[in-house]
Amino acid sequence: MMYIQHKRLLMRERILKLLTATEAASVTRAETSERLAFGDEYLDLNHLDRGVRRAGRMIAPMGRVLARKAVPESTWLKLTEHLAALTRATLN
């Protein structure tokens, strides 16, 4: 169990390092204020292994959500490509 938690924390750290300071500030504001609309895409920073998620009736707490709408499209693509590479590396 500790190994899985450690892996999740490392994955989260790697993803967050891809954000610029401005984007990180934007994400921080979004974590405390925005609610996701039905169908909005997001990453659950505590469960990155689940990949891109879509908001439905129930979503992860906003404090651990990185909403697609909180970052520029180029950053979102960079994040999801990096996440896919991390996932592939973990599976091998």
PDB file of N, CA and C in Angstrom:
ATOM      1  N   MET A   1       0.824  -1.194   0.000  1.00  0.00           N
ATOM      2  CA  MET A   1       0.000   0.000   0.000  1.00  0.00           C
ATOM      3  C   MET A   1       0.863   1.251   0.000  1.00  0.00           C
ATOM      4  N   MET A   2       1.922   1.282   0.792  1.00  0.00           N
ATOM      5  CA  MET A   2       2.801   2.441   0.838  1.00  0.00           C
ATOM      6  C   MET A   2       3.457   2.670  -0.524  1.00  0.00           C
ATOM      7  N   TYR A   3       3.797   1.581  -1.221  1.00  0.00           N
ATOM      8  CA  TYR A   3       4.416   1.686  -2.543  1.00  0.00           C
ATOM      9  C   TYR A   3       3.470   2.377  -3.514  1.00  0.00           C
ATOM     10  N   ILE A   4       2.209   2.004  -3.495  1.00  0.00           N
ATOM     11  CA  ILE A   4       1.210   2.603  -4.385  1.00  0.00           C
ATOM     12  C   ILE A   4       1.050   4.089  -4.077  1.00  0.00           C
ATOM     13  N   GLN A   5       0.971   4.451  -2.814  1.00  0.00           N
ATOM     14  CA  GLN A   5       0.847   5.856  -2.429  1.00  0.00           C
ATOM     15  C   GLN A   5       2.073   6.643  -2.868  1.00  0.00           C
ATOM     16  N   HIS A   6       3.242   6.066  -2.696  1.00  0.00           N
ATOM     17  CA  HIS A   6       4.475   6.724  -3.106  1.00  0.00           C
ATOM     18  C   HIS A   6       4.475   6.952  -4.616  1.00  0.00           C
ATOM     19  N   LYS A   7       4.054   5.951  -5.373  1.00  0.00           N
ATOM     20  CA  LYS A   7       3.985   6.054  -6.822  1.00  0.00           C
ATOM     21  C   LYS A   7       3.025   7.166  -7.239  1.00  0.00           C
ATOM     22  N   ARG A   8       1.882   7.239  -6.576  1.00  0.00           N
ATOM     23  CA  ARG A   8       0.896   8.275  -6.883  1.00  0.00           C
ATOM     24  C   ARG A   8       1.454   9.669  -6.602  1.00  0.00           C
ATOM     25  N   LEU A   9       2.162   9.817  -5.491  1.00  0.00           N
ATOM     26  CA  LEU A   9       2.743  11.117  -5.155  1.00  0.00           C
ATOM     27  C   LEU A   9       3.808  11.528  -6.166  1.00  0.00           C
ATOM     28  N   LEU A  10       4.630  10.586  -6.595  1.00  0.00           N
ATOM     29  CA  LEU A  10       5.650  10.893  -7.602  1.00  0.00           C
ATOM     30  C   LEU A  10       5.008  11.297  -8.921  1.00  0.00           C
ATOM     31  N   MET A  11       3.957  10.601  -9.315  1.00  0.00           N
ATOM     32  CA  MET A  11       3.257  10.923 -10.550  1.00  0.00           C
ATOM     33  C   MET A  11       2.656  12.326 -10.468  1.00  0.00           C
ATOM     34  N   ARG A  12       2.037  12.631  -9.351  1.00  0.00           N
ATOM     35  CA  ARG A  12       1.426  13.953  -9.144  1.00  0.00           C
ATOM     36  C   ARG A  12       2.492  15.044  -9.220  1.00  0.00           C
ATOM     37  N   GLU A  13       3.617  14.815  -8.557  1.00  0.00           N
ATOM     38  CA  GLU A  13       4.701  15.799  -8.546  1.00  0.00           C
ATOM     39  C   GLU A  13       5.217  16.050  -9.955  1.00  0.00           C
ATOM     40  N   ARG A  14       5.385  15.004 -10.736  1.00  0.00           N
ATOM     41  CA  ARG A  14       5.878  15.150 -12.106  1.00  0.00           C
ATOM     42  C   ARG A  14       4.896  15.941 -12.965  1.00  0.00           C
ATOM     43  N   ILE A  15       3.626  15.689 -12.805  1.00  0.00           N
ATOM     44  CA  ILE A  15       2.605  16.407 -13.572  1.00  0.00           C
ATOM     45  C   ILE A  15       2.583  17.878 -13.174  1.00  0.00           C
ATOM     46  N   LEU A  16       2.603  18.164 -11.889  1.00  0.00           N
ATOM     47  CA  LEU A  16       2.533  19.553 -11.432  1.00  0.00           C
ATOM     48  C   LEU A  16       3.770  20.355 -11.821  1.00  0.00           C
ATOM     49  N   LYS A  17       4.908  19.695 -11.961  1.00  0.00           N
ATOM     50  CA  LYS A  17       6.131  20.390 -12.368  1.00  0.00           C
ATOM     51  C   LYS A  17       6.040  20.888 -13.805  1.00  0.00           C
ATOM     52  N   LEU A  18       5.124  20.360 -14.577  1.00  0.00           N
ATOM     53  CA  LEU A  18       4.965  20.790 -15.962  1.00  0.00           C
ATOM     54  C   LEU A  18       4.225  22.127 -16.077  1.00  0.00           C
ATOM     55  N   LEU A  19       3.622  22.584 -14.978  1.00  0.00           N
ATOM     56  CA  LEU A  19       2.869  23.833 -14.991  1.00  0.00           C
ATOM     57  C   LEU A  19       3.790  25.024 -14.766  1.00  0.00           C
ATOM     58  N   THR A  20       3.495  26.116 -15.457  1.00  0.00           N
ATOM     59  CA  THR A  20       4.207  27.361 -15.182  1.00  0.00           C
ATOM     60  C   THR A  20       3.663  27.925 -13.872  1.00  0.00           C
ATOM     61  N   ALA A  21       4.338  28.916 -13.328  1.00  0.00           N
ATOM     62  CA  ALA A  21       3.879  29.543 -12.078  1.00  0.00           C
ATOM     63  C   ALA A  21       2.486  30.144 -12.254  1.00  0.00           C
ATOM     64  N   THR A  22       2.240  30.766 -13.396  1.00  0.00           N
ATOM     65  CA  THR A  22       0.931  31.369 -13.670  1.00  0.00           C
ATOM     66  C   THR A  22      -0.146  30.295 -13.734  1.00  0.00           C
ATOM     67  N   GLU A  23       0.157  29.180 -14.400  1.00  0.00           N
ATOM     68  CA  GLU A  23      -0.812  28.090 -14.507  1.00  0.00           C
ATOM     69  C   GLU A  23      -1.061  27.455 -13.146  1.00  0.00           C
ATOM     70  N   ALA A  24      -0.017  27.289 -12.369  1.00  0.00           N
ATOM     71  CA  ALA A  24      -0.182  26.720 -11.026  1.00  0.00           C
ATOM     72  C   ALA A  24      -1.072  27.616 -10.173  1.00  0.00           C
ATOM     73  N   ALA A  25      -0.884  28.926 -10.288  1.00  0.00           N
ATOM     74  CA  ALA A  25      -1.732  29.865  -9.546  1.00  0.00           C
ATOM     75  C   ALA A  25      -3.178  29.759 -10.019  1.00  0.00           C
ATOM     76  N   SER A  26      -3.368  29.599 -11.308  1.00  0.00           N
ATOM     77  CA  SER A  26      -4.709  29.448 -11.863  1.00  0.00           C
ATOM     78  C   SER A  26      -5.374  28.182 -11.334  1.00  0.00           C
ATOM     79  N   VAL A  27      -4.606  27.108 -11.267  1.00  0.00           N
ATOM     80  CA  VAL A  27      -5.125  25.842 -10.749  1.00  0.00           C
ATOM     81  C   VAL A  27      -5.489  25.991  -9.275  1.00  0.00           C
ATOM     82  N   THR A  28      -4.641  26.657  -8.517  1.00  0.00           N
ATOM     83  CA  THR A  28      -4.910  26.861  -7.098  1.00  0.00           C
ATOM     84  C   THR A  28      -6.221  27.620  -6.896  1.00  0.00           C
ATOM     85  N   ARG A  29      -6.431  28.676  -7.679  1.00  0.00           N
ATOM     86  CA  ARG A  29      -7.691  29.423  -7.581  1.00  0.00           C
ATOM     87  C   ARG A  29      -8.866  28.534  -7.957  1.00  0.00           C
ATOM     88  N   ALA A  30      -8.699  27.738  -9.003  1.00  0.00           N
ATOM     89  CA  ALA A  30      -9.780  26.860  -9.451  1.00  0.00           C
ATOM     90  C   ALA A  30     -10.115  25.817  -8.396  1.00  0.00           C
ATOM     91  N   GLU A  31      -9.095  25.339  -7.683  1.00  0.00           N
ATOM     92  CA  GLU A  31      -9.318  24.324  -6.651  1.00  0.00           C
ATOM     93  C   GLU A  31     -10.235  24.832  -5.550  1.00  0.00           C
ATOM     94  N   THR A  32     -10.147  26.115  -5.261  1.00  0.00           N
ATOM     95  CA  THR A  32     -10.918  26.643  -4.137  1.00  0.00           C
ATOM     96  C   THR A  32     -12.228  27.286  -4.549  1.00  0.00           C
ATOM     97  N   SER A  33     -12.413  27.587  -5.840  1.00  0.00           N
ATOM     98  CA  SER A  33     -13.606  28.339  -6.191  1.00  0.00           C
ATOM     99  C   SER A  33     -14.502  27.676  -7.225  1.00  0.00           C
ATOM    100  N   GLU A  34     -13.946  27.115  -8.272  1.00  0.00           N
ATOM    101  CA  GLU A  34     -14.765  26.622  -9.371  1.00  0.00           C
ATOM    102  C   GLU A  34     -15.397  25.273  -9.085  1.00  0.00           C
ATOM    103  N   ARG A  35     -16.545  25.108  -9.660  1.00  0.00           N
ATOM    104  CA  ARG A  35     -17.187  23.804  -9.704  1.00  0.00           C
ATOM    105  C   ARG A  35     -17.161  23.363 -11.149  1.00  0.00           C
ATOM    106  N   LEU A  36     -17.010  22.106 -11.369  1.00  0.00           N
ATOM    107  CA  LEU A  36     -17.004  21.619 -12.735  1.00  0.00           C
ATOM    108  C   LEU A  36     -18.431  21.426 -13.228  1.00  0.00           C
ATOM    109  N   ALA A  37     -18.644  21.783 -14.468  1.00  0.00           N
ATOM    110  CA  ALA A  37     -19.937  21.545 -15.099  1.00  0.00           C
ATOM    111  C   ALA A  37     -19.979  20.090 -15.573  1.00  0.00           C
ATOM    112  N   PHE A  38     -21.168  19.570 -15.727  1.00  0.00           N
ATOM    113  CA  PHE A  38     -21.339  18.201 -16.202  1.00  0.00           C
ATOM    114  C   PHE A  38     -20.582  18.047 -17.520  1.00  0.00           C
ATOM    115  N   GLY A  39     -19.715  17.040 -17.598  1.00  0.00           N
ATOM    116  CA  GLY A  39     -18.961  16.755 -18.812  1.00  0.00           C
ATOM    117  C   GLY A  39     -17.597  17.412 -18.892  1.00  0.00           C
ATOM    118  N   ASP A  40     -17.279  18.347 -17.981  1.00  0.00           N
ATOM    119  CA  ASP A  40     -15.953  18.975 -17.975  1.00  0.00           C
ATOM    120  C   ASP A  40     -14.881  17.919 -17.745  1.00  0.00           C
ATOM    121  N   GLU A  41     -13.766  18.055 -18.444  1.00  0.00           N
ATOM    122  CA  GLU A  41     -12.657  17.124 -18.271  1.00  0.00           C
ATOM    123  C   GLU A  41     -11.743  17.595 -17.145  1.00  0.00           C
ATOM    124  N   TYR A  42     -11.172  16.627 -16.439  1.00  0.00           N
ATOM    125  CA  TYR A  42     -10.264  16.941 -15.336  1.00  0.00           C
ATOM    126  C   TYR A  42      -9.353  15.764 -15.052  1.00  0.00           C
ATOM    127  N   LEU A  43      -8.289  16.043 -14.305  1.00  0.00           N
ATOM    128  CA  LEU A  43      -7.416  15.004 -13.763  1.00  0.00           C
ATOM    129  C   LEU A  43      -7.592  15.013 -12.255  1.00  0.00           C
ATOM    130  N   ASP A  44      -7.767  13.844 -11.677  1.00  0.00           N
ATOM    131  CA  ASP A  44      -7.797  13.705 -10.224  1.00  0.00           C
ATOM    132  C   ASP A  44      -6.342  13.509  -9.804  1.00  0.00           C
ATOM    133  N   LEU A  45      -5.767  14.513  -9.169  1.00  0.00           N
ATOM    134  CA  LEU A  45      -4.347  14.485  -8.844  1.00  0.00           C
ATOM    135  C   LEU A  45      -3.971  13.393  -7.851  1.00  0.00           C
ATOM    136  N   ASN A  46      -4.933  12.841  -7.155  1.00  0.00           N
ATOM    137  CA  ASN A  46      -4.655  11.721  -6.247  1.00  0.00           C
ATOM    138  C   ASN A  46      -4.812  10.374  -6.930  1.00  0.00           C
ATOM    139  N   HIS A  47      -5.386  10.387  -8.130  1.00  0.00           N
ATOM    140  CA  HIS A  47      -5.603   9.144  -8.879  1.00  0.00           C
ATOM    141  C   HIS A  47      -5.289   9.369 -10.354  1.00  0.00           C
ATOM    142  N   LEU A  48      -4.073   9.811 -10.627  1.00  0.00           N
ATOM    143  CA  LEU A  48      -3.683  10.077 -12.008  1.00  0.00           C
ATOM    144  C   LEU A  48      -3.723   8.821 -12.867  1.00  0.00           C
ATOM    145  N   ASP A  49      -3.598   7.661 -12.228  1.00  0.00           N
ATOM    146  CA  ASP A  49      -3.652   6.402 -12.956  1.00  0.00           C
ATOM    147  C   ASP A  49      -4.995   6.188 -13.643  1.00  0.00           C
ATOM    148  N   ARG A  50      -6.000   6.924 -13.250  1.00  0.00           N
ATOM    149  CA  ARG A  50      -7.326   6.811 -13.871  1.00  0.00           C
ATOM    150  C   ARG A  50      -7.445   7.658 -15.134  1.00  0.00           C
ATOM    151  N   GLY A  51      -6.425   8.481 -15.398  1.00  0.00           N
ATOM    152  CA  GLY A  51      -6.414   9.276 -16.617  1.00  0.00           C
ATOM    153  C   GLY A  51      -7.402  10.438 -16.585  1.00  0.00           C
ATOM    154  N   VAL A  52      -7.711  10.920 -17.771  1.00  0.00           N
ATOM    155  CA  VAL A  52      -8.644  12.045 -17.903  1.00  0.00           C
ATOM    156  C   VAL A  52     -10.042  11.564 -17.550  1.00  0.00           C
ATOM    157  N   ARG A  53     -10.690  12.325 -16.707  1.00  0.00           N
ATOM    158  CA  ARG A  53     -12.045  11.989 -16.247  1.00  0.00           C
ATOM    159  C   ARG A  53     -13.014  13.057 -16.747  1.00  0.00           C
ATOM    160  N   ARG A  54     -14.284  12.753 -16.743  1.00  0.00           N
ATOM    161  CA  ARG A  54     -15.332  13.719 -17.079  1.00  0.00           C
ATOM    162  C   ARG A  54     -16.240  13.875 -15.865  1.00  0.00           C
ATOM    163  N   ALA A  55     -16.546  15.132 -15.587  1.00  0.00           N
ATOM    164  CA  ALA A  55     -17.411  15.420 -14.439  1.00  0.00           C
ATOM    165  C   ALA A  55     -18.804  14.857 -14.696  1.00  0.00           C
ATOM    166  N   GLY A  56     -19.306  14.222 -13.669  1.00  0.00           N
ATOM    167  CA  GLY A  56     -20.666  13.686 -13.696  1.00  0.00           C
ATOM    168  C   GLY A  56     -21.380  14.163 -12.453  1.00  0.00           C
ATOM    169  N   ARG A  57     -22.217  13.311 -11.920  1.00  0.00           N
ATOM    170  CA  ARG A  57     -22.920  13.677 -10.686  1.00  0.00           C
ATOM    171  C   ARG A  57     -21.958  13.796  -9.521  1.00  0.00           C
ATOM    172  N   MET A  58     -20.977  12.909  -9.469  1.00  0.00           N
ATOM    173  CA  MET A  58     -20.006  12.933  -8.369  1.00  0.00           C
ATOM    174  C   MET A  58     -18.609  13.034  -8.971  1.00  0.00           C
ATOM    175  N   ILE A  59     -17.798  13.939  -8.416  1.00  0.00           N
ATOM    176  CA  ILE A  59     -16.409  14.055  -8.852  1.00  0.00           C
ATOM    177  C   ILE A  59     -15.517  14.096  -7.623  1.00  0.00           C
ATOM    178  N   ALA A  60     -14.238  14.058  -7.878  1.00  0.00           N
ATOM    179  CA  ALA A  60     -13.265  14.167  -6.791  1.00  0.00           C
ATOM    180  C   ALA A  60     -13.388  15.542  -6.137  1.00  0.00           C
ATOM    181  N   PRO A  61     -13.011  15.667  -4.879  1.00  0.00           N
ATOM    182  CA  PRO A  61     -13.025  16.986  -4.227  1.00  0.00           C
ATOM    183  C   PRO A  61     -12.189  17.991  -5.024  1.00  0.00           C
ATOM    184  N   MET A  62     -12.671  19.224  -5.145  1.00  0.00           N
ATOM    185  CA  MET A  62     -12.015  20.241  -5.965  1.00  0.00           C
ATOM    186  C   MET A  62     -10.559  20.476  -5.558  1.00  0.00           C
ATOM    187  N   GLY A  63     -10.221  20.233  -4.321  1.00  0.00           N
ATOM    188  CA  GLY A  63      -8.859  20.454  -3.858  1.00  0.00           C
ATOM    189  C   GLY A  63      -7.822  19.552  -4.502  1.00  0.00           C
ATOM    190  N   ARG A  64      -8.266  18.523  -5.186  1.00  0.00           N
ATOM    191  CA  ARG A  64      -7.307  17.638  -5.846  1.00  0.00           C
ATOM    192  C   ARG A  64      -7.599  17.472  -7.334  1.00  0.00           C
ATOM    193  N   VAL A  65      -8.400  18.377  -7.876  1.00  0.00           N
ATOM    194  CA  VAL A  65      -8.785  18.315  -9.283  1.00  0.00           C
ATOM    195  C   VAL A  65      -8.010  19.337 -10.096  1.00  0.00           C
ATOM    196  N   LEU A  66      -7.496  18.904 -11.232  1.00  0.00           N
ATOM    197  CA  LEU A  66      -6.906  19.810 -12.201  1.00  0.00           C
ATOM    198  C   LEU A  66      -7.856  19.825 -13.389  1.00  0.00           C
ATOM    199  N   ALA A  67      -8.630  20.893 -13.492  1.00  0.00           N
ATOM    200  CA  ALA A  67      -9.626  21.004 -14.553  1.00  0.00           C
ATOM    201  C   ALA A  67      -8.962  21.423 -15.859  1.00  0.00           C
ATOM    202  N   ARG A  68      -9.425  20.848 -16.941  1.00  0.00           N
ATOM    203  CA  ARG A  68      -8.901  21.214 -18.254  1.00  0.00           C
ATOM    204  C   ARG A  68      -9.072  22.707 -18.505  1.00  0.00           C
ATOM    205  N   LYS A  69     -10.203  23.249 -18.069  1.00  0.00           N
ATOM    206  CA  LYS A  69     -10.478  24.667 -18.329  1.00  0.00           C
ATOM    207  C   LYS A  69      -9.601  25.601 -17.490  1.00  0.00           C
ATOM    208  N   ALA A  70      -8.828  25.065 -16.548  1.00  0.00           N
ATOM    209  CA  ALA A  70      -7.975  25.896 -15.695  1.00  0.00           C
ATOM    210  C   ALA A  70      -6.609  26.174 -16.314  1.00  0.00           C
ATOM    211  N   VAL A  71      -6.285  25.479 -17.394  1.00  0.00           N
ATOM    212  CA  VAL A  71      -4.973  25.657 -18.028  1.00  0.00           C
ATOM    213  C   VAL A  71      -5.154  25.839 -19.535  1.00  0.00           C
ATOM    214  N   PRO A  72      -4.171  26.462 -20.191  1.00  0.00           N
ATOM    215  CA  PRO A  72      -4.238  26.594 -21.654  1.00  0.00           C
ATOM    216  C   PRO A  72      -4.254  25.218 -22.330  1.00  0.00           C
ATOM    217  N   GLU A  73      -4.818  25.164 -23.515  1.00  0.00           N
ATOM    218  CA  GLU A  73      -4.920  23.900 -24.248  1.00  0.00           C
ATOM    219  C   GLU A  73      -3.544  23.266 -24.470  1.00  0.00           C
ATOM    220  N   SER A  74      -2.549  24.083 -24.768  1.00  0.00           N
ATOM    221  CA  SER A  74      -1.201  23.541 -24.996  1.00  0.00           C
ATOM    222  C   SER A  74      -0.663  22.859 -23.738  1.00  0.00           C
ATOM    223  N   THR A  75      -0.969  23.415 -22.584  1.00  0.00           N
ATOM    224  CA  THR A  75      -0.536  22.813 -21.319  1.00  0.00           C
ATOM    225  C   THR A  75      -1.294  21.521 -21.064  1.00  0.00           C
ATOM    226  N   TRP A  76      -2.596  21.512 -21.318  1.00  0.00           N
ATOM    227  CA  TRP A  76      -3.406  20.306 -21.131  1.00  0.00           C
ATOM    228  C   TRP A  76      -2.846  19.164 -21.981  1.00  0.00           C
ATOM    229  N   LEU A  77      -2.520  19.464 -23.240  1.00  0.00           N
ATOM    230  CA  LEU A  77      -1.964  18.433 -24.120  1.00  0.00           C
ATOM    231  C   LEU A  77      -0.629  17.933 -23.593  1.00  0.00           C
ATOM    232  N   LYS A  78       0.206  18.842 -23.123  1.00  0.00           N
ATOM    233  CA  LYS A  78       1.506  18.463 -22.548  1.00  0.00           C
ATOM    234  C   LYS A  78       1.299  17.556 -21.329  1.00  0.00           C
ATOM    235  N   LEU A  79       0.354  17.922 -20.470  1.00  0.00           N
ATOM    236  CA  LEU A  79       0.078  17.125 -19.272  1.00  0.00           C
ATOM    237  C   LEU A  79      -0.413  15.731 -19.620  1.00  0.00           C
ATOM    238  N   THR A  80      -1.362  15.648 -20.538  1.00  0.00           N
ATOM    239  CA  THR A  80      -1.930  14.341 -20.866  1.00  0.00           C
ATOM    240  C   THR A  80      -0.929  13.456 -21.606  1.00  0.00           C
ATOM    241  N   GLU A  81      -0.083  14.061 -22.443  1.00  0.00           N
ATOM    242  CA  GLU A  81       0.961  13.274 -23.111  1.00  0.00           C
ATOM    243  C   GLU A  81       1.967  12.737 -22.094  1.00  0.00           C
ATOM    244  N   HIS A  82       2.344  13.583 -21.149  1.00  0.00           N
ATOM    245  CA  HIS A  82       3.283  13.166 -20.108  1.00  0.00           C
ATOM    246  C   HIS A  82       2.660  12.073 -19.232  1.00  0.00           C
ATOM    247  N   LEU A  83       1.415  12.243 -18.896  1.00  0.00           N
ATOM    248  CA  LEU A  83       0.711  11.242 -18.087  1.00  0.00           C
ATOM    249  C   LEU A  83       0.639   9.904 -18.822  1.00  0.00           C
ATOM    250  N   ALA A  84       0.357   9.943 -20.110  1.00  0.00           N
ATOM    251  CA  ALA A  84       0.312   8.706 -20.900  1.00  0.00           C
ATOM    252  C   ALA A  84       1.670   8.018 -20.913  1.00  0.00           C
ATOM    253  N   ALA A  85       2.732   8.806 -21.036  1.00  0.00           N
ATOM    254  CA  ALA A  85       4.084   8.237 -21.025  1.00  0.00           C
ATOM    255  C   ALA A  85       4.410   7.629 -19.657  1.00  0.00           C
ATOM    256  N   LEU A  86       4.026   8.307 -18.583  1.00  0.00           N
ATOM    257  CA  LEU A  86       4.256   7.765 -17.231  1.00  0.00           C
ATOM    258  C   LEU A  86       3.479   6.466 -17.039  1.00  0.00           C
ATOM    259  N   THR A  87       2.270   6.433 -17.528  1.00  0.00           N
ATOM    260  CA  THR A  87       1.432   5.234 -17.389  1.00  0.00           C
ATOM    261  C   THR A  87       2.052   4.069 -18.162  1.00  0.00           C
ATOM    262  N   ARG A  88       2.501   4.341 -19.380  1.00  0.00           N
ATOM    263  CA  ARG A  88       3.153   3.276 -20.173  1.00  0.00           C
ATOM    264  C   ARG A  88       4.409   2.765 -19.470  1.00  0.00           C
ATOM    265  N   ALA A  89       5.197   3.679 -18.931  1.00  0.00           N
ATOM    266  CA  ALA A  89       6.441   3.289 -18.240  1.00  0.00           C
ATOM    267  C   ALA A  89       6.133   2.461 -17.014  1.00  0.00           C
ATOM    268  N   THR A  90       5.050   2.764 -16.322  1.00  0.00           N
ATOM    269  CA  THR A  90       4.668   2.024 -15.122  1.00  0.00           C
ATOM    270  C   THR A  90       4.204   0.615 -15.463  1.00  0.00           C
ATOM    271  N   LEU A  91       3.552   0.473 -16.611  1.00  0.00           N
ATOM    272  CA  LEU A  91       3.036  -0.836 -17.018  1.00  0.00           C
ATOM    273  C   LEU A  91       4.141  -1.767 -17.479  1.00  0.00           C
ATOM    274  N   ASN A  92       5.222  -1.221 -17.963  1.00  0.00           N
ATOM    275  CA  ASN A  92       6.324  -2.052 -18.460  1.00  0.00           C
ATOM    276  C   ASN A  92       7.271  -2.464 -17.372  1.00  0.00           C
TER     277      ASN A  92
END
